[in-house]
Amino acid sequence: MKASYRHMLLFLVALIFFLNDAHMAYVVDPIYGFVEVMLNESNFEYQKPYDTPLYQRYIYQNGIHRFWVYADDKPFRLGSNTQPRTEIRILPDYTSGVWQFEGVAFIPNGTSGATIVQIHGAAHGNTTSLLRIYNGEMRYYSTQVIATNLYDRWFKVNLIHDVDGGKVTVFVDNKKKFKIHDQGPGLLYFKFGVYGAPKNISYYMESRWKDVKIYKKMLIDKLVPLV
């Protein structure tokens, strides 16, 4: 009898751990409740130094987007006072709802002061969110550290924008790392690649991306709390 009771107790403990693990996986899954927005080449707009051919700053090979830029490169258009960049702007734009960028990134050691993914557009300022790499750390703009030890390895980024709720959430490798108020509504879109910060940047900056996707939260899921 005692042995049977002990076996039942062990079974219940194992069941509790299993259910707990399943619940945790459900909670931290960034794309739960979202549907994928299918992308093709027509959804990509390329931005690069205006006097340089695209192939000298970007290549797509074996499913990997590789972007690079130099600190003394020209801006993306003549007359612009912005920093050098090689980026892809993703269509469609959005103005409401809950949208999500997902991609797997690789940043080579030495790249610093570079925005690798952003939400462009806002009621206040030009951008809602910039995720930058400084010395192997991911920062929100140049301030709060979101993740560390990112050089020379692939890592997954999920950037979620709840426009109606006014929130931006960042996951790195399926772990919730950061949440903040956005900059207000506007004509919004995601960009990824490499874009020099206003100061404290390395001469050479590079990012690589694969498995880039866009998601939109399902309307039927409005009653489910956001991550």
C-alpha atoms as a PDB file:
ATOM      1  CA  MET A   1       0.000   0.000   0.000  1.00  0.00           C
ATOM      2  CA  LYS A   2       2.788   2.367   0.951  1.00  0.00           C
ATOM      3  CA  ALA A   3       4.636   1.581  -2.278  1.00  0.00           C
ATOM      4  CA  SER A   4       1.464   2.191  -4.312  1.00  0.00           C
ATOM      5  CA  TYR A   5       0.919   5.516  -2.528  1.00  0.00           C
ATOM      6  CA  ARG A   6       4.535   6.493  -3.146  1.00  0.00           C
ATOM      7  CA  HIS A   7       4.225   5.692  -6.850  1.00  0.00           C
ATOM      8  CA  MET A   8       1.033   7.724  -7.093  1.00  0.00           C
ATOM      9  CA  LEU A   9       2.720  10.660  -5.361  1.00  0.00           C
ATOM     10  CA  LEU A  10       5.679  10.512  -7.723  1.00  0.00           C
ATOM     11  CA  PHE A  11       3.294  10.405 -10.678  1.00  0.00           C
ATOM     12  CA  LEU A  12       1.450  13.483  -9.447  1.00  0.00           C
ATOM     13  CA  VAL A  13       4.697  15.370  -8.906  1.00  0.00           C
ATOM     14  CA  ALA A  14       5.885  14.470 -12.405  1.00  0.00           C
ATOM     15  CA  LEU A  15       2.508  15.534 -13.832  1.00  0.00           C
ATOM     16  CA  ILE A  16       2.715  18.899 -12.061  1.00  0.00           C
ATOM     17  CA  PHE A  17       6.207  19.522 -13.462  1.00  0.00           C
ATOM     18  CA  PHE A  18       5.053  18.542 -16.941  1.00  0.00           C
ATOM     19  CA  LEU A  19       2.058  20.858 -16.833  1.00  0.00           C
ATOM     20  CA  ASN A  20       4.182  23.645 -15.428  1.00  0.00           C
ATOM     21  CA  ASP A  21       6.743  23.257 -18.227  1.00  0.00           C
ATOM     22  CA  ALA A  22       3.989  23.211 -20.818  1.00  0.00           C
ATOM     23  CA  HIS A  23       2.465  26.347 -19.315  1.00  0.00           C
ATOM     24  CA  MET A  24       5.806  28.131 -19.296  1.00  0.00           C
ATOM     25  CA  ALA A  25       6.404  27.240 -22.942  1.00  0.00           C
ATOM     26  CA  TYR A  26       2.966  28.624 -23.769  1.00  0.00           C
ATOM     27  CA  VAL A  27       3.615  31.836 -21.870  1.00  0.00           C
ATOM     28  CA  VAL A  28       6.995  32.614 -23.425  1.00  0.00           C
ATOM     29  CA  ASP A  29       6.049  31.732 -27.010  1.00  0.00           C
ATOM     30  CA  PRO A  30       6.166  35.204 -28.622  1.00  0.00           C
ATOM     31  CA  ILE A  31       4.058  34.282 -31.644  1.00  0.00           C
ATOM     32  CA  TYR A  32       1.170  32.676 -29.729  1.00  0.00           C
ATOM     33  CA  GLY A  33      -2.070  34.251 -30.962  1.00  0.00           C
ATOM     34  CA  PHE A  34      -0.423  35.759 -34.056  1.00  0.00           C
ATOM     35  CA  VAL A  35      -0.811  34.880 -37.719  1.00  0.00           C
ATOM     36  CA  GLU A  36       2.018  35.194 -40.198  1.00  0.00           C
ATOM     37  CA  VAL A  37       1.895  37.899 -42.839  1.00  0.00           C
ATOM     38  CA  MET A  38       3.349  36.254 -45.915  1.00  0.00           C
ATOM     39  CA  LEU A  39       6.311  38.123 -47.413  1.00  0.00           C
ATOM     40  CA  ASN A  40       7.971  38.072 -50.804  1.00  0.00           C
ATOM     41  CA  GLU A  41      10.420  40.287 -52.660  1.00  0.00           C
ATOM     42  CA  SER A  42       7.738  42.923 -53.300  1.00  0.00           C
ATOM     43  CA  ASN A  43       7.532  43.509 -49.528  1.00  0.00           C
ATOM     44  CA  PHE A  44      11.189  44.599 -49.338  1.00  0.00           C
ATOM     45  CA  GLU A  45      12.473  48.093 -50.042  1.00  0.00           C
ATOM     46  CA  TYR A  46      16.262  48.404 -49.973  1.00  0.00           C
ATOM     47  CA  GLN A  47      18.097  51.415 -48.549  1.00  0.00           C
ATOM     48  CA  LYS A  48      21.856  51.826 -48.970  1.00  0.00           C
ATOM     49  CA  PRO A  49      24.426  54.617 -49.525  1.00  0.00           C
ATOM     50  CA  TYR A  50      23.098  56.555 -52.497  1.00  0.00           C
ATOM     51  CA  ASP A  51      26.388  56.485 -54.431  1.00  0.00           C
ATOM     52  CA  THR A  52      27.102  52.777 -53.933  1.00  0.00           C
ATOM     53  CA  PRO A  53      25.581  49.805 -55.811  1.00  0.00           C
ATOM     54  CA  LEU A  54      23.475  47.557 -53.607  1.00  0.00           C
ATOM     55  CA  TYR A  55      25.682  44.507 -54.260  1.00  0.00           C
ATOM     56  CA  GLN A  56      28.610  46.339 -52.611  1.00  0.00           C
ATOM     57  CA  ARG A  57      26.690  46.643 -49.308  1.00  0.00           C
ATOM     58  CA  TYR A  58      24.216  43.748 -49.329  1.00  0.00           C
ATOM     59  CA  ILE A  59      24.028  40.132 -50.408  1.00  0.00           C
ATOM     60  CA  TYR A  60      21.381  37.430 -50.025  1.00  0.00           C
ATOM     61  CA  GLN A  61      22.759  33.913 -50.174  1.00  0.00           C
ATOM     62  CA  ASN A  62      21.681  30.554 -48.770  1.00  0.00           C
ATOM     63  CA  GLY A  63      18.741  32.144 -46.962  1.00  0.00           C
ATOM     64  CA  ILE A  64      20.889  34.759 -45.208  1.00  0.00           C
ATOM     65  CA  HIS A  65      20.647  38.530 -45.637  1.00  0.00           C
ATOM     66  CA  ARG A  66      24.071  40.114 -45.099  1.00  0.00           C
ATOM     67  CA  PHE A  67      24.261  43.890 -44.634  1.00  0.00           C
ATOM     68  CA  TRP A  68      27.375  46.000 -44.139  1.00  0.00           C
ATOM     69  CA  VAL A  69      28.254  49.681 -44.109  1.00  0.00           C
ATOM     70  CA  TYR A  70      31.190  51.960 -43.306  1.00  0.00           C
ATOM     71  CA  ALA A  71      31.141  54.976 -41.017  1.00  0.00           C
ATOM     72  CA  ASP A  72      32.172  57.300 -43.851  1.00  0.00           C
ATOM     73  CA  ASP A  73      29.572  56.016 -46.328  1.00  0.00           C
ATOM     74  CA  LYS A  74      27.053  58.436 -47.779  1.00  0.00           C
ATOM     75  CA  PRO A  75      23.461  58.552 -46.465  1.00  0.00           C
ATOM     76  CA  PHE A  76      20.702  56.713 -48.292  1.00  0.00           C
ATOM     77  CA  ARG A  77      19.762  59.718 -50.382  1.00  0.00           C
ATOM     78  CA  LEU A  78      21.413  62.926 -51.534  1.00  0.00           C
ATOM     79  CA  GLY A  79      20.787  65.799 -49.124  1.00  0.00           C
ATOM     80  CA  SER A  80      19.931  63.584 -46.147  1.00  0.00           C
ATOM     81  CA  ASN A  81      21.760  64.276 -42.881  1.00  0.00           C
ATOM     82  CA  THR A  82      21.205  60.750 -41.557  1.00  0.00           C
ATOM     83  CA  GLN A  83      23.906  58.215 -40.777  1.00  0.00           C
ATOM     84  CA  PRO A  84      24.980  55.538 -43.287  1.00  0.00           C
ATOM     85  CA  ARG A  85      22.807  52.477 -43.542  1.00  0.00           C
ATOM     86  CA  THR A  86      22.071  49.319 -45.447  1.00  0.00           C
ATOM     87  CA  GLU A  87      18.583  48.215 -44.496  1.00  0.00           C
ATOM     88  CA  ILE A  88      15.423  46.574 -45.709  1.00  0.00           C
ATOM     89  CA  ARG A  89      12.148  48.356 -45.077  1.00  0.00           C
ATOM     90  CA  ILE A  90       9.346  45.828 -44.784  1.00  0.00           C
ATOM     91  CA  LEU A  91       5.908  46.447 -46.268  1.00  0.00           C
ATOM     92  CA  PRO A  92       3.072  46.686 -45.386  1.00  0.00           C
ATOM     93  CA  ASP A  93       2.921  49.737 -43.154  1.00  0.00           C
ATOM     94  CA  TYR A  94       0.556  49.572 -40.187  1.00  0.00           C
ATOM     95  CA  THR A  95      -1.305  52.108 -38.024  1.00  0.00           C
ATOM     96  CA  SER A  96      -3.193  49.968 -35.491  1.00  0.00           C
ATOM     97  CA  GLY A  97      -3.372  46.516 -34.013  1.00  0.00           C
ATOM     98  CA  VAL A  98      -0.543  44.341 -32.682  1.00  0.00           C
ATOM     99  CA  TRP A  99       2.316  43.564 -35.054  1.00  0.00           C
ATOM    100  CA  GLN A 100       5.481  41.542 -34.635  1.00  0.00           C
ATOM    101  CA  PHE A 101       8.864  41.245 -36.325  1.00  0.00           C
ATOM    102  CA  GLU A 102      10.760  37.972 -35.932  1.00  0.00           C
ATOM    103  CA  GLY A 103      14.227  37.144 -37.189  1.00  0.00           C
ATOM    104  CA  VAL A 104      17.458  35.375 -36.323  1.00  0.00           C
ATOM    105  CA  ALA A 105      20.485  37.678 -36.265  1.00  0.00           C
ATOM    106  CA  PHE A 106      24.259  37.374 -36.259  1.00  0.00           C
ATOM    107  CA  ILE A 107      26.545  40.300 -35.360  1.00  0.00           C
ATOM    108  CA  PRO A 108      30.288  39.866 -35.950  1.00  0.00           C
ATOM    109  CA  ASN A 109      32.659  40.995 -33.215  1.00  0.00           C
ATOM    110  CA  GLY A 110      33.670  44.613 -33.706  1.00  0.00           C
ATOM    111  CA  THR A 111      30.366  45.991 -34.963  1.00  0.00           C
ATOM    112  CA  SER A 112      29.269  48.662 -32.485  1.00  0.00           C
ATOM    113  CA  GLY A 113      26.888  51.604 -32.469  1.00  0.00           C
ATOM    114  CA  ALA A 114      24.677  49.957 -35.088  1.00  0.00           C
ATOM    115  CA  THR A 115      20.904  49.698 -35.179  1.00  0.00           C
ATOM    116  CA  ILE A 116      20.008  46.201 -36.382  1.00  0.00           C
ATOM    117  CA  VAL A 117      16.192  46.363 -36.262  1.00  0.00           C
ATOM    118  CA  GLN A 118      13.748  49.193 -35.733  1.00  0.00           C
ATOM    119  CA  ILE A 119      10.132  50.304 -35.801  1.00  0.00           C
ATOM    120  CA  HIS A 120       9.990  53.442 -37.902  1.00  0.00           C
ATOM    121  CA  GLY A 121       7.294  56.055 -37.424  1.00  0.00           C
ATOM    122  CA  ALA A 122       5.764  57.589 -34.298  1.00  0.00           C
ATOM    123  CA  ALA A 123       3.632  60.463 -33.092  1.00  0.00           C
ATOM    124  CA  HIS A 124       6.687  61.878 -31.314  1.00  0.00           C
ATOM    125  CA  GLY A 125       9.975  61.635 -33.224  1.00  0.00           C
ATOM    126  CA  ASN A 126      10.905  59.516 -36.212  1.00  0.00           C
ATOM    127  CA  THR A 127      11.006  56.079 -34.605  1.00  0.00           C
ATOM    128  CA  THR A 128       9.075  53.997 -32.106  1.00  0.00           C
ATOM    129  CA  SER A 129      11.970  51.701 -31.224  1.00  0.00           C
ATOM    130  CA  LEU A 130      15.619  51.142 -32.175  1.00  0.00           C
ATOM    131  CA  LEU A 131      17.546  48.050 -31.099  1.00  0.00           C
ATOM    132  CA  ARG A 132      21.263  48.786 -31.269  1.00  0.00           C
ATOM    133  CA  ILE A 133      24.395  46.764 -30.724  1.00  0.00           C
ATOM    134  CA  TYR A 134      27.141  48.290 -28.580  1.00  0.00           C
ATOM    135  CA  ASN A 135      30.154  46.088 -27.815  1.00  0.00           C
ATOM    136  CA  GLY A 136      28.114  42.894 -28.009  1.00  0.00           C
ATOM    137  CA  GLU A 137      25.173  44.270 -26.009  1.00  0.00           C
ATOM    138  CA  MET A 138      21.715  45.012 -27.358  1.00  0.00           C
ATOM    139  CA  ARG A 139      20.386  48.351 -26.151  1.00  0.00           C
ATOM    140  CA  TYR A 140      17.145  50.269 -26.469  1.00  0.00           C
ATOM    141  CA  TYR A 141      18.500  53.208 -28.461  1.00  0.00           C
ATOM    142  CA  SER A 142      21.743  53.889 -26.544  1.00  0.00           C
ATOM    143  CA  THR A 143      20.327  53.489 -23.035  1.00  0.00           C
ATOM    144  CA  GLN A 144      18.897  50.395 -21.381  1.00  0.00           C
ATOM    145  CA  VAL A 145      20.704  47.073 -21.900  1.00  0.00           C
ATOM    146  CA  ILE A 146      18.343  44.400 -23.220  1.00  0.00           C
ATOM    147  CA  ALA A 147      20.722  41.467 -23.821  1.00  0.00           C
ATOM    148  CA  THR A 148      24.448  40.752 -23.600  1.00  0.00           C
ATOM    149  CA  ASN A 149      27.081  38.473 -25.152  1.00  0.00           C
ATOM    150  CA  LEU A 150      25.596  38.607 -28.635  1.00  0.00           C
ATOM    151  CA  TYR A 151      28.747  38.705 -30.765  1.00  0.00           C
ATOM    152  CA  ASP A 152      29.544  35.857 -33.156  1.00  0.00           C
ATOM    153  CA  ARG A 153      26.461  33.752 -32.528  1.00  0.00           C
ATOM    154  CA  TRP A 154      22.964  33.460 -33.937  1.00  0.00           C
ATOM    155  CA  PHE A 155      20.194  34.807 -31.704  1.00  0.00           C
ATOM    156  CA  LYS A 156      16.461  35.174 -32.228  1.00  0.00           C
ATOM    157  CA  VAL A 157      14.749  38.559 -31.953  1.00  0.00           C
ATOM    158  CA  ASN A 158      11.007  39.145 -31.564  1.00  0.00           C
ATOM    159  CA  LEU A 159       9.936  42.784 -31.575  1.00  0.00           C
ATOM    160  CA  ILE A 160       6.246  43.257 -30.760  1.00  0.00           C
ATOM    161  CA  HIS A 161       4.335  46.518 -31.143  1.00  0.00           C
ATOM    162  CA  ASP A 162       0.895  46.867 -29.567  1.00  0.00           C
ATOM    163  CA  VAL A 163      -0.163  50.116 -31.206  1.00  0.00           C
ATOM    164  CA  ASP A 164      -3.552  50.370 -29.506  1.00  0.00           C
ATOM    165  CA  GLY A 165      -2.059  49.562 -26.113  1.00  0.00           C
ATOM    166  CA  GLY A 166       0.975  51.776 -26.671  1.00  0.00           C
ATOM    167  CA  LYS A 167       3.542  49.101 -25.780  1.00  0.00           C
ATOM    168  CA  VAL A 168       6.709  47.655 -27.301  1.00  0.00           C
ATOM    169  CA  THR A 169       8.003  44.273 -26.120  1.00  0.00           C
ATOM    170  CA  VAL A 170      11.325  42.617 -26.974  1.00  0.00           C
ATOM    171  CA  PHE A 171      12.132  38.910 -26.758  1.00  0.00           C
ATOM    172  CA  VAL A 172      15.625  37.525 -27.291  1.00  0.00           C
ATOM    173  CA  ASP A 173      15.908  33.769 -27.776  1.00  0.00           C
ATOM    174  CA  ASN A 174      12.273  33.371 -26.674  1.00  0.00           C
ATOM    175  CA  LYS A 175      12.887  35.149 -23.377  1.00  0.00           C
ATOM    176  CA  LYS A 176      11.043  38.353 -22.573  1.00  0.00           C
ATOM    177  CA  LYS A 177      13.764  40.948 -22.042  1.00  0.00           C
ATOM    178  CA  PHE A 178      12.203  44.379 -22.284  1.00  0.00           C
ATOM    179  CA  LYS A 179       8.898  46.246 -22.342  1.00  0.00           C
ATOM    180  CA  ILE A 180       8.278  49.971 -22.677  1.00  0.00           C
ATOM    181  CA  HIS A 181       5.710  52.554 -23.768  1.00  0.00           C
ATOM    182  CA  ASP A 182       5.853  53.409 -27.439  1.00  0.00           C
ATOM    183  CA  GLN A 183       6.127  56.904 -28.949  1.00  0.00           C
ATOM    184  CA  GLY A 184       2.492  57.209 -29.996  1.00  0.00           C
ATOM    185  CA  PRO A 185       0.677  56.086 -33.155  1.00  0.00           C
ATOM    186  CA  GLY A 186       1.721  56.919 -36.685  1.00  0.00           C
ATOM    187  CA  LEU A 187       2.485  55.405 -40.067  1.00  0.00           C
ATOM    188  CA  LEU A 188       4.619  52.493 -38.870  1.00  0.00           C
ATOM    189  CA  TYR A 189       6.834  49.814 -40.387  1.00  0.00           C
ATOM    190  CA  PHE A 190       9.702  47.470 -39.502  1.00  0.00           C
ATOM    191  CA  LYS A 191      13.259  47.781 -40.832  1.00  0.00           C
ATOM    192  CA  PHE A 192      16.240  45.479 -40.351  1.00  0.00           C
ATOM    193  CA  GLY A 193      19.866  45.547 -41.411  1.00  0.00           C
ATOM    194  CA  VAL A 194      22.557  47.904 -40.168  1.00  0.00           C
ATOM    195  CA  TYR A 195      22.260  51.650 -39.505  1.00  0.00           C
ATOM    196  CA  GLY A 196      24.917  53.749 -37.797  1.00  0.00           C
ATOM    197  CA  ALA A 197      24.046  55.535 -34.552  1.00  0.00           C
ATOM    198  CA  PRO A 198      24.655  59.297 -34.282  1.00  0.00           C
ATOM    199  CA  LYS A 199      27.944  58.749 -32.421  1.00  0.00           C
ATOM    200  CA  ASN A 200      30.295  56.138 -30.927  1.00  0.00           C
ATOM    201  CA  ILE A 201      30.163  53.813 -33.920  1.00  0.00           C
ATOM    202  CA  SER A 202      32.692  51.377 -35.298  1.00  0.00           C
ATOM    203  CA  TYR A 203      34.155  52.095 -38.725  1.00  0.00           C
ATOM    204  CA  TYR A 204      32.782  48.832 -40.120  1.00  0.00           C
ATOM    205  CA  MET A 205      29.297  47.615 -39.174  1.00  0.00           C
ATOM    206  CA  GLU A 206      27.608  44.380 -40.228  1.00  0.00           C
ATOM    207  CA  SER A 207      24.553  42.313 -39.444  1.00  0.00           C
ATOM    208  CA  ARG A 208      23.239  39.073 -40.878  1.00  0.00           C
ATOM    209  CA  TRP A 209      19.630  37.903 -40.739  1.00  0.00           C
ATOM    210  CA  LYS A 210      17.692  34.772 -41.578  1.00  0.00           C
ATOM    211  CA  ASP A 211      14.141  33.449 -41.049  1.00  0.00           C
ATOM    212  CA  VAL A 212      12.693  36.970 -41.089  1.00  0.00           C
ATOM    213  CA  LYS A 213       8.909  37.008 -40.623  1.00  0.00           C
ATOM    214  CA  ILE A 214       6.121  39.449 -39.816  1.00  0.00           C
ATOM    215  CA  TYR A 215       3.081  38.543 -37.728  1.00  0.00           C
ATOM    216  CA  LYS A 216      -0.194  40.229 -36.842  1.00  0.00           C
ATOM    217  CA  LYS A 217      -2.246  39.391 -33.773  1.00  0.00           C
ATOM    218  CA  MET A 218      -5.503  37.626 -34.503  1.00  0.00           C
ATOM    219  CA  LEU A 219      -8.640  39.647 -33.773  1.00  0.00           C
ATOM    220  CA  ILE A 220     -10.256  36.651 -32.089  1.00  0.00           C
ATOM    221  CA  ASP A 221      -7.442  36.687 -29.551  1.00  0.00           C
ATOM    222  CA  LYS A 222      -8.206  40.142 -28.120  1.00  0.00           C
ATOM    223  CA  LEU A 223      -9.291  38.658 -24.810  1.00  0.00           C
ATOM    224  CA  VAL A 224      -5.957  36.859 -24.299  1.00  0.00           C
ATOM    225  CA  PRO A 225      -3.469  38.997 -22.291  1.00  0.00           C
ATOM    226  CA  LEU A 226      -0.554  40.269 -24.352  1.00  0.00           C
ATOM    227  CA  VAL A 227       2.966  39.048 -23.615  1.00  0.00           C
END
